[in-house]
C-alpha atoms as a PDB file:
ATOM      1  CA  MET A   1      88.781  97.040 103.573  1.00  0.00           C
ATOM      2  CA  ALA A   2      92.024  97.293 104.538  1.00  0.00           C
ATOM      3  CA  GLY A   3      93.124  97.082 100.948  1.00  0.00           C
ATOM      4  CA  SER A   4      90.589  99.627  99.245  1.00  0.00           C
ATOM      5  CA  LYS A   5      92.356 102.053 101.796  1.00  0.00           C
ATOM      6  CA  THR A   6      95.793 101.156 100.116  1.00  0.00           C
ATOM      7  CA  LEU A   7      95.100 101.133  96.728  1.00  0.00           C
ATOM      8  CA  TRP A   8      93.904 104.570  97.019  1.00  0.00           C
ATOM      9  CA  PHE A   9      96.927 105.419  98.772  1.00  0.00           C
ATOM     10  CA  LEU A  10      98.470 104.150  95.950  1.00  0.00           C
ATOM     11  CA  THR A  11      96.070 105.653  93.633  1.00  0.00           C
ATOM     12  CA  GLY A  12      96.993 109.258  95.186  1.00  0.00           C
ATOM     13  CA  LEU A  13     100.688 108.713  95.237  1.00  0.00           C
ATOM     14  CA  GLY A  14     100.753 108.004  91.733  1.00  0.00           C
ATOM     15  CA  VAL A  15      98.910 111.262  91.341  1.00  0.00           C
ATOM     16  CA  GLY A  16     100.354 113.391  93.531  1.00  0.00           C
ATOM     17  CA  ALA A  17     103.635 112.178  91.207  1.00  0.00           C
ATOM     18  CA  ALA A  18     102.127 112.828  88.054  1.00  0.00           C
ATOM     19  CA  ILE A  19     101.036 116.530  88.997  1.00  0.00           C
ATOM     20  CA  GLY A  20     104.402 116.687  91.008  1.00  0.00           C
ATOM     21  CA  MET A  21     105.905 115.806  87.133  1.00  0.00           C
ATOM     22  CA  LEU A  22     103.723 118.447  85.769  1.00  0.00           C
ATOM     23  CA  TYR A  23     104.768 121.686  88.277  1.00  0.00           C
ATOM     24  CA  ALA A  24     108.095 120.390  88.589  1.00  0.00           C
ATOM     25  CA  PRO A  25     110.789 123.220  89.366  1.00  0.00           C
ATOM     26  CA  PHE A  26     113.305 121.035  88.398  1.00  0.00           C
ATOM     27  CA  SER A  27     116.056 119.815  85.452  1.00  0.00           C
ATOM     28  CA  GLY A  28     114.804 116.982  83.165  1.00  0.00           C
ATOM     29  CA  GLU A  29     117.308 114.734  85.237  1.00  0.00           C
ATOM     30  CA  ASP A  30     116.701 116.255  88.769  1.00  0.00           C
ATOM     31  CA  THR A  31     113.319 115.138  88.538  1.00  0.00           C
ATOM     32  CA  ARG A  32     114.067 112.338  86.999  1.00  0.00           C
ATOM     33  CA  ASP A  33     116.337 111.674  90.239  1.00  0.00           C
ATOM     34  CA  LEU A  34     113.747 112.962  93.070  1.00  0.00           C
ATOM     35  CA  ILE A  35     110.775 110.123  90.823  1.00  0.00           C
ATOM     36  CA  GLY A  36     113.300 107.406  91.295  1.00  0.00           C
ATOM     37  CA  ARG A  37     114.284 108.628  94.569  1.00  0.00           C
ATOM     38  CA  LYS A  38     110.291 108.921  96.172  1.00  0.00           C
ATOM     39  CA  THR A  39     109.860 105.780  93.665  1.00  0.00           C
ATOM     40  CA  GLU A  40     112.121 103.278  96.430  1.00  0.00           C
ATOM     41  CA  GLU A  41     110.812 105.687  99.189  1.00  0.00           C
ATOM     42  CA  GLY A  42     107.376 104.332  97.820  1.00  0.00           C
ATOM     43  CA  ARG A  43     108.246 100.569  97.766  1.00  0.00           C
ATOM     44  CA  ASN A  44     109.890 100.521 101.413  1.00  0.00           C
ATOM     45  CA  LEU A  45     106.853 102.197 102.716  1.00  0.00           C
ATOM     46  CA  VAL A  46     105.025  99.118 100.886  1.00  0.00           C
ATOM     47  CA  THR A  47     107.034  96.507 101.305  1.00  0.00           C
ATOM     48  CA  ARG A  48     107.108  97.864 105.425  1.00  0.00           C
ATOM     49  CA  LYS A  49     103.099  97.500 105.967  1.00  0.00           C
ATOM     50  CA  THR A  50     102.930  94.456 103.972  1.00  0.00           C
ATOM     51  CA  GLY A  51     105.331  93.154 106.587  1.00  0.00           C
ATOM     52  CA  GLU A  52     103.187  94.616 108.945  1.00  0.00           C
ATOM     53  CA  LEU A  53     100.241  93.053 107.986  1.00  0.00           C
ATOM     54  CA  ARG A  54     101.699  89.789 107.417  1.00  0.00           C
ATOM     55  CA  GLN A  55     102.846  89.831 110.709  1.00  0.00           C
ATOM     56  CA  GLN A  56      98.797  91.225 112.292  1.00  0.00           C
ATOM     57  CA  VAL A  57      97.934  88.064 110.278  1.00  0.00           C
ATOM     58  CA  THR A  58      99.884  85.876 112.093  1.00  0.00           C
ATOM     59  CA  GLU A  59      98.835  86.959 115.501  1.00  0.00           C
ATOM     60  CA  ILE A  60      95.473  86.746 114.876  1.00  0.00           C
ATOM     61  CA  ALA A  61      95.845  83.207 113.701  1.00  0.00           C
ATOM     62  CA  ASP A  62      98.125  82.317 116.328  1.00  0.00           C
ATOM     63  CA  ARG A  63      95.398  84.041 118.965  1.00  0.00           C
ATOM     64  CA  GLY A  64      92.660  82.109 117.290  1.00  0.00           C
ATOM     65  CA  ARG A  65      94.039  78.025 116.931  1.00  0.00           C
ATOM     66  CA  GLN A  66      94.949  79.047 121.259  1.00  0.00           C
ATOM     67  CA  ALA A  67      90.969  79.790 121.928  1.00  0.00           C
ATOM     68  CA  VAL A  68      90.164  76.517 119.687  1.00  0.00           C
ATOM     69  CA  ASN A  69      92.690  74.461 121.413  1.00  0.00           C
ATOM     70  CA  ARG A  70      91.894  75.467 124.795  1.00  0.00           C
ATOM     71  CA  GLN A  71      88.550  75.710 123.778  1.00  0.00           C
ATOM     72  CA  VAL A  72      88.960  71.877 123.296  1.00  0.00           C
ATOM     73  CA  ASP A  73      90.798  71.133 125.890  1.00  0.00           C
ATOM     74  CA  GLN A  74      87.705  72.539 128.345  1.00  0.00           C
ATOM     75  CA  PHE A  75      85.448  70.038 126.638  1.00  0.00           C
ATOM     76  CA  GLN A  76      87.647  67.023 126.430  1.00  0.00           C
ATOM     77  CA  ALA A  77      88.153  67.484 130.535  1.00  0.00           C
ATOM     78  CA  ALA A  78      83.756  67.787 130.189  1.00  0.00           C
ATOM     79  CA  VAL A  79      83.476  64.424 128.512  1.00  0.00           C
ATOM     80  CA  ASP A  80      86.652  62.982 131.402  1.00  0.00           C
ATOM     81  CA  ALA A  81      84.696  64.371 134.101  1.00  0.00           C
ATOM     82  CA  GLY A  82      81.445  63.224 132.768  1.00  0.00           C
ATOM     83  CA  LYS A  83      83.464  58.954 132.290  1.00  0.00           C
ATOM     84  CA  GLN A  84      84.729  59.638 135.422  1.00  0.00           C
ATOM     85  CA  ALA A  85      81.226  60.238 137.035  1.00  0.00           C
ATOM     86  CA  TYR A  86      79.543  57.669 135.250  1.00  0.00           C
ATOM     87  CA  ARG A  87      82.261  54.783 136.395  1.00  0.00           C
ATOM     88  CA  GLU A  88      81.488  56.070 139.954  1.00  0.00           C
ATOM     89  CA  ALA A  89      78.284  55.900 140.601  1.00  0.00           C
ATOM     90  CA  SER A  90      78.351  52.662 138.653  1.00  0.00           C
ATOM     91  CA  SER A  91      80.342  51.178 140.493  1.00  0.00           C
ATOM     92  CA  SER A  92      78.680  52.197 143.771  1.00  0.00           C
ATOM     93  CA  THR A  93      75.294  50.839 142.274  1.00  0.00           C
ATOM     94  CA  PRO A  94      74.604  47.732 143.738  1.00  0.00           C
ATOM     95  CA  GLU A  95      74.346  45.010 140.720  1.00  0.00           C
ATOM     96  CA  THR A  96      70.004  43.196 141.084  1.00  0.00           C
ATOM     97  CA  GLY A  97      70.001  40.262 138.933  1.00  0.00           C
ATOM     98  CA  SER A  98      67.126  39.291 137.451  1.00  0.00           C
END
């Protein structure tokens, strides 16, 4: 969904730049300079947003990993407690010989 929004944003950016060139109040050289600056700004924006997205994905993955590790630890503690309870119950029950 976020990729779709980004695609529409970039499409709008391109259409806006094209319309801007058609109605540009500047000379050709000034317009080229403006286009170069705006292109660089757009590139910087995409680079920054990509970095932010990468950081968010990393944070989400870390939280997921931590949640899984907590669940594994809780499960292991429950298994260990069950084993201990079984050993205690087995050792306190008198053995009957047949």
